[in-house]
N, C-alpha and C. Protein backbone atom coordinates (compact mmCIF):
# COMPACT_ATOMS: atom_id res chain seq x y z
N MET A 1 4.10 0.50 9.48
CA MET A 1 4.13 0.69 7.85
C MET A 1 3.21 1.55 7.55
N SER A 2 3.58 2.30 6.36
CA SER A 2 2.73 3.28 5.82
C SER A 2 2.58 2.73 4.42
N ILE A 3 1.51 3.47 3.73
CA ILE A 3 0.59 3.17 2.50
C ILE A 3 0.61 4.67 1.82
N VAL A 4 1.06 4.91 0.59
CA VAL A 4 0.62 5.83 -0.26
C VAL A 4 -0.14 5.53 -1.57
N VAL A 5 -0.85 6.02 -1.93
CA VAL A 5 -1.58 5.74 -3.30
C VAL A 5 -1.49 6.74 -4.23
N TYR A 6 -1.06 6.71 -5.05
CA TYR A 6 -1.22 7.72 -6.13
C TYR A 6 -2.01 7.37 -7.53
N LYS A 7 -2.58 8.53 -8.00
CA LYS A 7 -3.08 8.11 -9.58
C LYS A 7 -2.23 9.28 -10.46
N LEU A 8 -1.72 8.66 -11.32
CA LEU A 8 -0.61 9.57 -12.26
C LEU A 8 0.33 10.30 -11.39
N ALA A 9 -0.19 11.69 -11.50
CA ALA A 9 0.65 12.53 -10.45
C ALA A 9 -0.31 13.23 -9.33
N GLU A 10 -1.36 12.63 -9.03
CA GLU A 10 -2.25 13.13 -8.41
C GLU A 10 -2.13 12.00 -7.06
N GLU A 11 -1.84 12.55 -5.87
CA GLU A 11 -2.04 11.77 -4.75
C GLU A 11 -3.44 11.68 -3.93
N LEU A 12 -3.83 10.59 -4.15
CA LEU A 12 -5.46 10.14 -3.91
C LEU A 12 -5.33 9.88 -2.06
N MET A 13 -4.36 9.75 -1.60
CA MET A 13 -4.40 9.40 -0.06
C MET A 13 -2.97 10.10 0.52
N GLU A 14 -3.07 10.79 1.51
CA GLU A 14 -1.75 11.17 2.17
C GLU A 14 -1.06 9.90 2.97
N PRO A 15 0.29 10.04 3.16
CA PRO A 15 1.01 8.85 3.69
C PRO A 15 0.08 8.28 5.10
N THR A 16 -0.22 7.20 5.23
CA THR A 16 -1.15 6.91 6.41
C THR A 16 -0.57 5.46 7.06
N LEU A 17 -0.60 5.73 8.52
CA LEU A 17 0.34 4.42 9.19
C LEU A 17 -1.19 3.03 9.32
N ILE A 18 -0.60 2.19 8.73
CA ILE A 18 -1.44 1.02 8.60
C ILE A 18 -0.67 -0.25 9.62
N ALA A 19 -1.65 -1.38 9.89
CA ALA A 19 -1.06 -2.47 10.70
C ALA A 19 -0.89 -3.37 9.63
N LYS A 20 0.63 -4.09 9.67
CA LYS A 20 0.71 -5.31 8.72
C LYS A 20 0.06 -6.33 9.11
N ASP A 21 -0.66 -6.57 10.19
CA ASP A 21 -1.05 -8.00 10.40
C ASP A 21 -2.61 -7.60 10.50
N ALA A 22 -2.96 -6.65 10.08
CA ALA A 22 -4.66 -6.15 9.94
C ALA A 22 -5.00 -5.96 8.53
N GLU A 23 -6.23 -6.34 8.05
CA GLU A 23 -6.39 -6.16 6.52
C GLU A 23 -7.09 -4.48 6.70
N PHE A 24 -6.53 -4.01 5.52
CA PHE A 24 -6.57 -2.63 5.33
C PHE A 24 -7.60 -2.32 3.88
N THR A 25 -8.64 -1.80 3.97
CA THR A 25 -9.42 -1.51 2.75
C THR A 25 -9.85 0.19 2.98
N ALA A 26 -9.73 0.75 1.35
CA ALA A 26 -10.28 2.03 1.45
C ALA A 26 -10.94 2.31 0.18
N ASP A 27 -11.80 2.92 -0.04
CA ASP A 27 -12.45 3.50 -1.31
C ASP A 27 -12.00 4.94 -1.53
N MET A 28 -11.63 5.57 -2.45
CA MET A 28 -11.37 6.99 -2.61
C MET A 28 -11.84 7.50 -4.02
N ASP A 29 -12.19 8.78 -4.39
CA ASP A 29 -12.37 9.28 -5.88
C ASP A 29 -11.07 10.21 -6.11
N SER A 30 -10.94 10.07 -7.50
CA SER A 30 -9.97 10.78 -7.90
C SER A 30 -10.25 12.42 -8.44
N LYS A 31 -9.91 13.22 -8.95
CA LYS A 31 -10.38 14.29 -9.06
C LYS A 31 -11.41 14.61 -10.19
N ASP A 32 -10.97 13.70 -10.96
CA ASP A 32 -12.01 13.28 -12.39
C ASP A 32 -13.07 12.34 -12.05
N GLY A 33 -13.03 11.91 -10.99
CA GLY A 33 -14.36 11.44 -10.35
C GLY A 33 -14.43 9.90 -10.35
N LYS A 34 -13.11 9.40 -10.90
CA LYS A 34 -13.12 7.96 -11.01
C LYS A 34 -12.91 7.30 -9.49
N ARG A 35 -13.94 6.10 -8.99
CA ARG A 35 -13.66 5.64 -7.72
C ARG A 35 -12.40 4.65 -7.96
N VAL A 36 -11.61 4.54 -6.75
CA VAL A 36 -10.61 3.54 -6.52
C VAL A 36 -10.75 2.90 -5.33
N ALA A 37 -10.83 1.42 -5.46
CA ALA A 37 -11.07 0.63 -4.39
C ALA A 37 -9.81 -0.03 -4.05
N ILE A 38 -9.34 -0.16 -3.09
CA ILE A 38 -7.87 -0.79 -2.61
C ILE A 38 -8.28 -1.69 -1.34
N SER A 39 -7.26 -2.87 -1.21
CA SER A 39 -7.37 -3.59 -0.26
C SER A 39 -6.14 -4.31 -0.04
N LEU A 40 -5.74 -4.37 1.16
CA LEU A 40 -4.25 -4.92 1.62
C LEU A 40 -4.55 -5.95 2.43
N LYS A 41 -3.78 -7.02 2.48
CA LYS A 41 -3.79 -8.25 3.69
C LYS A 41 -2.50 -8.85 3.49
N LYS A 42 -2.22 -9.30 4.76
CA LYS A 42 -0.82 -10.15 4.99
C LYS A 42 -1.14 -11.61 4.36
N VAL A 43 -0.26 -11.90 3.76
CA VAL A 43 -0.35 -13.28 3.43
C VAL A 43 0.94 -14.12 4.08
N GLU A 44 0.73 -15.65 4.09
CA GLU A 44 1.65 -16.15 4.75
C GLU A 44 2.84 -16.42 3.55
N SER A 45 4.04 -16.18 3.77
CA SER A 45 5.12 -16.29 2.85
C SER A 45 5.77 -17.60 2.85
N LYS A 46 6.11 -18.57 1.76
CA LYS A 46 6.76 -19.91 1.81
C LYS A 46 8.01 -19.40 1.40
N VAL A 47 8.35 -18.28 0.90
CA VAL A 47 9.46 -17.95 0.11
C VAL A 47 10.74 -17.48 1.11
N SER A 48 10.16 -16.28 2.13
CA SER A 48 11.18 -15.72 2.61
C SER A 48 10.52 -15.60 4.19
N ASN A 49 11.28 -15.78 5.56
CA ASN A 49 11.05 -15.61 6.76
C ASN A 49 11.29 -13.92 7.15
N SER A 50 12.08 -13.26 6.18
CA SER A 50 12.65 -11.95 6.63
C SER A 50 11.72 -10.55 5.53
N VAL A 51 11.12 -11.45 4.83
CA VAL A 51 10.37 -10.42 3.87
C VAL A 51 8.85 -10.64 4.19
N ASP A 52 7.81 -9.68 4.48
CA ASP A 52 6.50 -9.81 4.71
C ASP A 52 5.95 -9.36 3.32
N TYR A 53 5.05 -10.51 2.75
CA TYR A 53 4.49 -10.08 1.68
C TYR A 53 2.86 -10.02 1.84
N LEU A 54 2.44 -9.38 1.13
CA LEU A 54 0.84 -8.92 1.17
C LEU A 54 0.12 -8.99 -0.13
N ASP A 55 -0.92 -9.40 -0.09
CA ASP A 55 -2.05 -9.32 -1.02
C ASP A 55 -2.70 -8.01 -1.51
N LEU A 56 -2.37 -7.37 -2.45
CA LEU A 56 -3.04 -6.06 -2.91
C LEU A 56 -3.91 -5.98 -3.86
N THR A 57 -5.18 -5.69 -3.77
CA THR A 57 -6.19 -5.36 -4.60
C THR A 57 -6.48 -4.13 -4.98
N VAL A 58 -6.43 -3.88 -6.20
CA VAL A 58 -6.88 -2.48 -6.36
C VAL A 58 -7.76 -2.43 -7.62
N ASN A 59 -8.99 -2.19 -7.74
CA ASN A 59 -10.23 -2.16 -8.53
C ASN A 59 -10.35 -3.65 -9.17
N GLY A 60 -10.29 -4.47 -7.95
CA GLY A 60 -10.65 -5.85 -8.46
C GLY A 60 -9.02 -6.72 -8.93
N GLU A 61 -8.21 -6.13 -9.10
CA GLU A 61 -7.16 -6.65 -9.80
C GLU A 61 -6.23 -7.24 -8.52
N SER A 62 -5.53 -8.42 -8.29
CA SER A 62 -4.79 -8.70 -7.13
C SER A 62 -3.48 -8.86 -7.71
N MET A 63 -2.48 -8.67 -6.64
CA MET A 63 -1.12 -9.20 -7.11
C MET A 63 -0.48 -9.10 -5.76
N LYS A 64 0.83 -9.82 -5.58
CA LYS A 64 1.67 -10.10 -4.30
C LYS A 64 2.49 -8.75 -4.41
N ILE A 65 2.74 -8.09 -3.02
CA ILE A 65 3.63 -7.03 -3.01
C ILE A 65 4.49 -7.09 -1.75
N ASP A 66 5.68 -6.86 -1.56
CA ASP A 66 6.33 -7.03 -0.32
C ASP A 66 6.08 -5.56 0.52
N SER A 67 6.35 -5.80 1.89
CA SER A 67 6.17 -4.65 2.57
C SER A 67 7.12 -3.56 2.38
N ASN A 68 7.93 -3.47 1.64
CA ASN A 68 8.75 -2.27 1.12
C ASN A 68 8.85 -2.13 -0.27
N GLY A 69 7.57 -2.49 -1.07
CA GLY A 69 7.26 -2.35 -2.43
C GLY A 69 6.78 -1.32 -3.23
N THR A 70 6.59 -1.41 -4.41
CA THR A 70 5.58 -0.64 -4.99
C THR A 70 5.02 -1.38 -6.25
N ALA A 71 3.74 -1.06 -6.32
CA ALA A 71 2.91 -1.63 -7.21
C ALA A 71 2.25 -0.70 -8.41
N VAL A 72 2.08 -1.26 -9.56
CA VAL A 72 1.17 -0.20 -10.45
C VAL A 72 0.40 -1.20 -11.21
N VAL A 73 -1.12 -0.53 -10.87
CA VAL A 73 -2.18 -1.25 -11.51
C VAL A 73 -3.00 -0.26 -12.34
N GLY A 74 -2.74 -0.29 -13.62
CA GLY A 74 -3.43 0.63 -14.44
C GLY A 74 -2.76 1.95 -14.61
N ASP A 75 -3.50 2.94 -14.01
CA ASP A 75 -2.77 4.46 -13.50
C ASP A 75 -2.53 4.44 -12.36
N ILE A 76 -2.89 3.56 -11.51
CA ILE A 76 -2.52 3.81 -9.94
C ILE A 76 -1.25 3.00 -9.33
N LEU A 77 -0.58 3.91 -8.64
CA LEU A 77 0.63 3.39 -8.06
C LEU A 77 0.39 3.41 -6.57
N VAL A 78 0.94 2.27 -5.90
CA VAL A 78 1.06 2.05 -4.52
C VAL A 78 2.23 1.79 -4.14
N VAL A 79 2.74 2.58 -2.91
CA VAL A 79 4.01 2.41 -2.19
C VAL A 79 3.79 2.01 -0.78
N LEU A 80 4.46 0.85 -0.51
CA LEU A 80 4.58 0.57 0.82
C LEU A 80 5.81 0.82 1.59
N VAL A 81 5.88 1.17 2.98
CA VAL A 81 6.96 1.55 3.57
C VAL A 81 6.90 0.88 4.77
N ASP A 82 7.82 -0.36 5.18
CA ASP A 82 7.70 -0.75 6.44
C ASP A 82 8.55 -0.38 7.69
N HIS A 83 8.24 0.50 8.23
CA HIS A 83 9.01 1.52 9.08
C HIS A 83 9.69 0.59 10.23
N SER A 84 9.21 -0.57 10.48
CA SER A 84 9.84 -1.50 11.47
C SER A 84 11.35 -2.11 10.98
N LYS A 85 11.45 -1.75 9.59
CA LYS A 85 12.88 -2.25 9.08
C LYS A 85 13.87 -1.37 9.35
N TYR A 86 13.63 -0.12 9.64
CA TYR A 86 14.61 1.15 9.53
C TYR A 86 14.29 1.51 11.22
N ARG A 87 15.44 2.07 11.46
CA ARG A 87 15.74 2.62 12.62
C ARG A 87 15.12 4.18 12.83
N GLY A 88 14.79 4.82 13.78
CA GLY A 88 14.31 6.07 14.04
C GLY A 88 12.71 6.27 14.21
N SER A 89 12.18 7.15 13.43
CA SER A 89 10.80 7.55 13.48
C SER A 89 9.96 6.17 13.02
N THR A 90 8.71 6.15 13.58
CA THR A 90 7.88 5.08 12.84
C THR A 90 6.70 5.58 12.45
N ARG A 91 6.92 7.01 12.04
CA ARG A 91 5.62 7.77 11.41
C ARG A 91 6.22 8.09 9.80
N PRO A 92 4.82 8.27 9.14
CA PRO A 92 5.40 8.56 7.79
C PRO A 92 5.93 9.92 7.63
N ALA A 93 6.65 10.03 6.67
CA ALA A 93 7.43 11.20 6.44
C ALA A 93 6.48 12.49 5.90
N ALA A 94 6.71 13.51 6.56
CA ALA A 94 5.56 14.28 6.07
C ALA A 94 5.73 15.21 4.94
N ARG A 95 4.66 15.61 4.27
CA ARG A 95 4.89 15.95 2.84
C ARG A 95 4.81 17.68 2.75
């Protein structure tokens, strides 16, 4: 699975492979010096066995997101791509 985090048109983090079953946390700064804190951890879904849901927290605001989803929190866009759901490469696409 990979994660990409944007602030408006600014890419804060290049596509990065992460594990679905491990907690991911990162802190980064935007060009204007604004600090962005992000964490992602898997949650047990009672809705579907075929979709992986994760708990996404951006700057203290939490929401659920699926493993092939996008989320917008303020001016932060988070994109997840679950490579295990597709055939072929298991690496993020090159920019």
